[in-house]
Amino acid sequence: MTDPAELSRMIEAARAARENAHAPYSKFKVGAAILGESGRIFAGCNVENAAYPQGQCAESSAIGAMITAGDRRIRAIVVMGGEAGAEEICTPCGGCRQRIREFATPETPIHICDPAGLRRTFSLEILLPESFGPTNLAF
């Protein structure tokens, strides 16, 4: 479970990152914020590219920031996309679910938000059941 104060800071970081997204083609801005093992928050946004599929997702950007800063474990993640109050929620794509798995446990909370705030929380295990991860390669 994510501490409410940490979750609030993560939501604000994801919201700010979303505002900086480069989404001229899809017009679908996404922001993400990761709570790393150090307690620091790392944000990222989607960055589209005219040469599809060369862009990157918000979750990938946030993971890159976390790794660059020296953290290696995701304690929690916030993903913010879509429009406030829309019926559909914006969960991580399949590729990002696998990227998250590299640095998270099956119990890691993934908080799904829209610009109005928190919509739902899933564990990674719910979004990526029976996943392949680093432990599968342990010798």
C-alpha atoms as a PDB file:
ATOM      1  CA  MET A   1       0.000   0.000   0.000  1.00  0.00           C
ATOM      2  CA  THR A   2       1.263   3.444  -0.897  1.00  0.00           C
ATOM      3  CA  ASP A   3       1.351   6.109   1.800  1.00  0.00           C
ATOM      4  CA  PRO A   4      -1.334   8.736   1.020  1.00  0.00           C
ATOM      5  CA  ALA A   5       1.167  11.625   1.145  1.00  0.00           C
ATOM      6  CA  GLU A   6       3.539   9.790  -1.219  1.00  0.00           C
ATOM      7  CA  LEU A   7       0.657   8.934  -3.531  1.00  0.00           C
ATOM      8  CA  SER A   8      -0.419  12.577  -3.625  1.00  0.00           C
ATOM      9  CA  ARG A   9       3.135  13.664  -4.562  1.00  0.00           C
ATOM     10  CA  MET A  10       3.304  10.954  -7.215  1.00  0.00           C
ATOM     11  CA  ILE A  11      -0.007  12.033  -8.741  1.00  0.00           C
ATOM     12  CA  GLU A  12       1.204  15.631  -8.936  1.00  0.00           C
ATOM     13  CA  ALA A  13       4.497  14.525 -10.515  1.00  0.00           C
ATOM     14  CA  ALA A  14       2.626  12.435 -13.111  1.00  0.00           C
ATOM     15  CA  ARG A  15       0.277  15.345 -13.820  1.00  0.00           C
ATOM     16  CA  ALA A  16       3.203  17.736 -14.374  1.00  0.00           C
ATOM     17  CA  ALA A  17       5.008  15.205 -16.585  1.00  0.00           C
ATOM     18  CA  ARG A  18       1.827  14.656 -18.623  1.00  0.00           C
ATOM     19  CA  GLU A  19       1.681  18.377 -19.371  1.00  0.00           C
ATOM     20  CA  ASN A  20       5.142  18.123 -20.967  1.00  0.00           C
ATOM     21  CA  ALA A  21       4.325  15.084 -23.111  1.00  0.00           C
ATOM     22  CA  HIS A  22       5.256  15.289 -26.796  1.00  0.00           C
ATOM     23  CA  ALA A  23       2.161  13.788 -28.434  1.00  0.00           C
ATOM     24  CA  PRO A  24       1.619  15.732 -31.683  1.00  0.00           C
ATOM     25  CA  TYR A  25       0.357  12.668 -33.583  1.00  0.00           C
ATOM     26  CA  SER A  26      -1.957  10.823 -31.191  1.00  0.00           C
ATOM     27  CA  LYS A  27      -2.816  13.880 -29.066  1.00  0.00           C
ATOM     28  CA  PHE A  28      -2.907  11.372 -26.172  1.00  0.00           C
ATOM     29  CA  LYS A  29      -0.700  12.708 -23.388  1.00  0.00           C
ATOM     30  CA  VAL A  30       0.446  10.364 -20.623  1.00  0.00           C
ATOM     31  CA  GLY A  31       2.494  11.024 -17.503  1.00  0.00           C
ATOM     32  CA  ALA A  32       3.991   8.534 -15.081  1.00  0.00           C
ATOM     33  CA  ALA A  33       5.650   8.768 -11.695  1.00  0.00           C
ATOM     34  CA  ILE A  34       7.621   6.056  -9.942  1.00  0.00           C
ATOM     35  CA  LEU A  35       8.338   5.828  -6.239  1.00  0.00           C
ATOM     36  CA  GLY A  36      11.801   4.305  -6.112  1.00  0.00           C
ATOM     37  CA  GLU A  37      13.451   2.289  -3.374  1.00  0.00           C
ATOM     38  CA  SER A  38      15.169   5.454  -2.085  1.00  0.00           C
ATOM     39  CA  GLY A  39      11.845   7.226  -1.561  1.00  0.00           C
ATOM     40  CA  ARG A  40      12.519   9.589  -4.455  1.00  0.00           C
ATOM     41  CA  ILE A  41       9.932  10.126  -7.179  1.00  0.00           C
ATOM     42  CA  PHE A  42      10.898   9.833 -10.845  1.00  0.00           C
ATOM     43  CA  ALA A  43       8.599  11.198 -13.536  1.00  0.00           C
ATOM     44  CA  GLY A  44       8.317  10.614 -17.248  1.00  0.00           C
ATOM     45  CA  CYS A  45       6.011  11.401 -20.156  1.00  0.00           C
ATOM     46  CA  ASN A  46       5.297   9.885 -23.533  1.00  0.00           C
ATOM     47  CA  VAL A  47       7.476  11.151 -26.371  1.00  0.00           C
ATOM     48  CA  GLU A  48       6.123  10.418 -29.837  1.00  0.00           C
ATOM     49  CA  ASN A  49       8.189  10.404 -33.001  1.00  0.00           C
ATOM     50  CA  ALA A  50       7.185  10.811 -36.639  1.00  0.00           C
ATOM     51  CA  ALA A  51       9.050   7.571 -37.346  1.00  0.00           C
ATOM     52  CA  TYR A  52       6.661   5.183 -35.593  1.00  0.00           C
ATOM     53  CA  PRO A  53       7.367   3.173 -33.414  1.00  0.00           C
ATOM     54  CA  GLN A  54      10.406   5.144 -32.304  1.00  0.00           C
ATOM     55  CA  GLY A  55       8.603   7.012 -29.523  1.00  0.00           C
ATOM     56  CA  GLN A  56       8.546   5.978 -25.912  1.00  0.00           C
ATOM     57  CA  CYS A  57       5.888   5.599 -23.268  1.00  0.00           C
ATOM     58  CA  ALA A  58       5.662   7.624 -20.072  1.00  0.00           C
ATOM     59  CA  GLU A  59       6.405   4.549 -17.955  1.00  0.00           C
ATOM     60  CA  SER A  60       9.590   3.859 -19.948  1.00  0.00           C
ATOM     61  CA  SER A  61      10.703   7.472 -19.524  1.00  0.00           C
ATOM     62  CA  ALA A  62      10.132   7.287 -15.746  1.00  0.00           C
ATOM     63  CA  ILE A  63      11.981   3.968 -15.483  1.00  0.00           C
ATOM     64  CA  GLY A  64      14.913   5.484 -17.374  1.00  0.00           C
ATOM     65  CA  ALA A  65      15.002   8.436 -14.965  1.00  0.00           C
ATOM     66  CA  MET A  66      14.930   6.058 -11.989  1.00  0.00           C
ATOM     67  CA  ILE A  67      17.778   3.923 -13.331  1.00  0.00           C
ATOM     68  CA  THR A  68      19.839   6.987 -14.275  1.00  0.00           C
ATOM     69  CA  ALA A  69      19.504   8.260 -10.689  1.00  0.00           C
ATOM     70  CA  GLY A  70      20.704   4.933  -9.263  1.00  0.00           C
ATOM     71  CA  ASP A  71      17.494   3.351  -7.955  1.00  0.00           C
ATOM     72  CA  ARG A  72      16.717  -0.194  -9.072  1.00  0.00           C
ATOM     73  CA  ARG A  73      13.360  -1.078  -7.457  1.00  0.00           C
ATOM     74  CA  ILE A  74       9.876   0.317  -8.087  1.00  0.00           C
ATOM     75  CA  ARG A  75       7.870   0.591  -4.876  1.00  0.00           C
ATOM     76  CA  ALA A  76       4.794   2.065  -6.617  1.00  0.00           C
ATOM     77  CA  ILE A  77       3.874   3.697  -9.906  1.00  0.00           C
ATOM     78  CA  VAL A  78       1.248   6.199 -11.046  1.00  0.00           C
ATOM     79  CA  VAL A  79       0.086   6.338 -14.661  1.00  0.00           C
ATOM     80  CA  MET A  80      -2.028   9.339 -15.733  1.00  0.00           C
ATOM     81  CA  GLY A  81      -3.674   9.488 -19.118  1.00  0.00           C
ATOM     82  CA  GLY A  82      -7.014  10.070 -20.755  1.00  0.00           C
ATOM     83  CA  GLU A  83      -9.571  12.704 -19.954  1.00  0.00           C
ATOM     84  CA  ALA A  84     -11.122  13.455 -16.577  1.00  0.00           C
ATOM     85  CA  GLY A  85     -14.181  11.298 -16.034  1.00  0.00           C
ATOM     86  CA  ALA A  86     -13.787   9.269 -19.247  1.00  0.00           C
ATOM     87  CA  GLU A  87     -15.226   5.769 -19.154  1.00  0.00           C
ATOM     88  CA  GLU A  88     -11.966   4.122 -20.239  1.00  0.00           C
ATOM     89  CA  ILE A  89      -8.893   4.153 -18.004  1.00  0.00           C
ATOM     90  CA  CYS A  90      -5.301   4.357 -19.231  1.00  0.00           C
ATOM     91  CA  THR A  91      -3.356   1.344 -18.001  1.00  0.00           C
ATOM     92  CA  PRO A  92       0.224   0.566 -19.058  1.00  0.00           C
ATOM     93  CA  CYS A  93       0.609  -1.096 -22.466  1.00  0.00           C
ATOM     94  CA  GLY A  94       1.885  -4.672 -22.602  1.00  0.00           C
ATOM     95  CA  GLY A  95       5.463  -3.621 -23.272  1.00  0.00           C
ATOM     96  CA  CYS A  96       5.470  -1.265 -20.294  1.00  0.00           C
ATOM     97  CA  ARG A  97       3.946  -3.924 -18.048  1.00  0.00           C
ATOM     98  CA  GLN A  98       6.963  -6.092 -18.870  1.00  0.00           C
ATOM     99  CA  ARG A  99       9.365  -3.148 -18.341  1.00  0.00           C
ATOM    100  CA  ILE A 100       7.772  -2.473 -14.940  1.00  0.00           C
ATOM    101  CA  ARG A 101       8.148  -6.186 -14.099  1.00  0.00           C
ATOM    102  CA  GLU A 102      11.909  -5.925 -14.520  1.00  0.00           C
ATOM    103  CA  PHE A 103      12.098  -3.559 -11.520  1.00  0.00           C
ATOM    104  CA  ALA A 104       8.979  -4.438  -9.504  1.00  0.00           C
ATOM    105  CA  THR A 105       7.406  -7.355  -7.695  1.00  0.00           C
ATOM    106  CA  PRO A 106       4.032  -8.889  -8.503  1.00  0.00           C
ATOM    107  CA  GLU A 107       2.604  -7.029  -5.485  1.00  0.00           C
ATOM    108  CA  THR A 108       3.786  -3.579  -6.637  1.00  0.00           C
ATOM    109  CA  PRO A 109       0.824  -1.173  -6.793  1.00  0.00           C
ATOM    110  CA  ILE A 110       0.037   0.516 -10.088  1.00  0.00           C
ATOM    111  CA  HIS A 111      -2.216   3.524  -9.507  1.00  0.00           C
ATOM    112  CA  ILE A 112      -4.247   4.521 -12.555  1.00  0.00           C
ATOM    113  CA  CYS A 113      -5.271   8.173 -12.706  1.00  0.00           C
ATOM    114  CA  ASP A 114      -6.854  10.679 -15.019  1.00  0.00           C
ATOM    115  CA  PRO A 115      -6.414  14.441 -14.650  1.00  0.00           C
ATOM    116  CA  ALA A 116      -9.124  14.490 -11.957  1.00  0.00           C
ATOM    117  CA  GLY A 117      -7.230  11.996  -9.786  1.00  0.00           C
ATOM    118  CA  LEU A 118      -7.059   8.339  -8.814  1.00  0.00           C
ATOM    119  CA  ARG A 119      -9.377   5.967 -10.679  1.00  0.00           C
ATOM    120  CA  ARG A 120      -8.180   2.466  -9.731  1.00  0.00           C
ATOM    121  CA  THR A 121      -5.255   0.600  -8.243  1.00  0.00           C
ATOM    122  CA  PHE A 122      -3.998  -2.754  -9.490  1.00  0.00           C
ATOM    123  CA  SER A 123      -1.126  -4.958  -8.433  1.00  0.00           C
ATOM    124  CA  LEU A 124       1.345  -5.792 -11.184  1.00  0.00           C
ATOM    125  CA  GLU A 125       0.227  -9.427 -10.832  1.00  0.00           C
ATOM    126  CA  ILE A 126      -3.309  -8.438 -11.866  1.00  0.00           C
ATOM    127  CA  LEU A 127      -2.074  -6.536 -14.945  1.00  0.00           C
ATOM    128  CA  LEU A 128       0.620  -9.077 -15.887  1.00  0.00           C
ATOM    129  CA  PRO A 129      -0.338 -12.485 -14.470  1.00  0.00           C
ATOM    130  CA  GLU A 130       2.160 -15.340 -14.426  1.00  0.00           C
ATOM    131  CA  SER A 131       4.827 -12.982 -15.743  1.00  0.00           C
ATOM    132  CA  PHE A 132       8.308 -13.780 -16.942  1.00  0.00           C
ATOM    133  CA  GLY A 133      10.871 -11.819 -14.976  1.00  0.00           C
ATOM    134  CA  PRO A 134      14.386 -11.727 -13.571  1.00  0.00           C
ATOM    135  CA  THR A 135      13.763 -14.717 -11.297  1.00  0.00           C
ATOM    136  CA  ASN A 136      13.116 -16.886 -14.359  1.00  0.00           C
ATOM    137  CA  LEU A 137      16.728 -16.319 -15.371  1.00  0.00           C
ATOM    138  CA  ALA A 138      18.278 -17.018 -11.958  1.00  0.00           C
ATOM    139  CA  PHE A 139      20.860 -19.765 -12.231  1.00  0.00           C
END
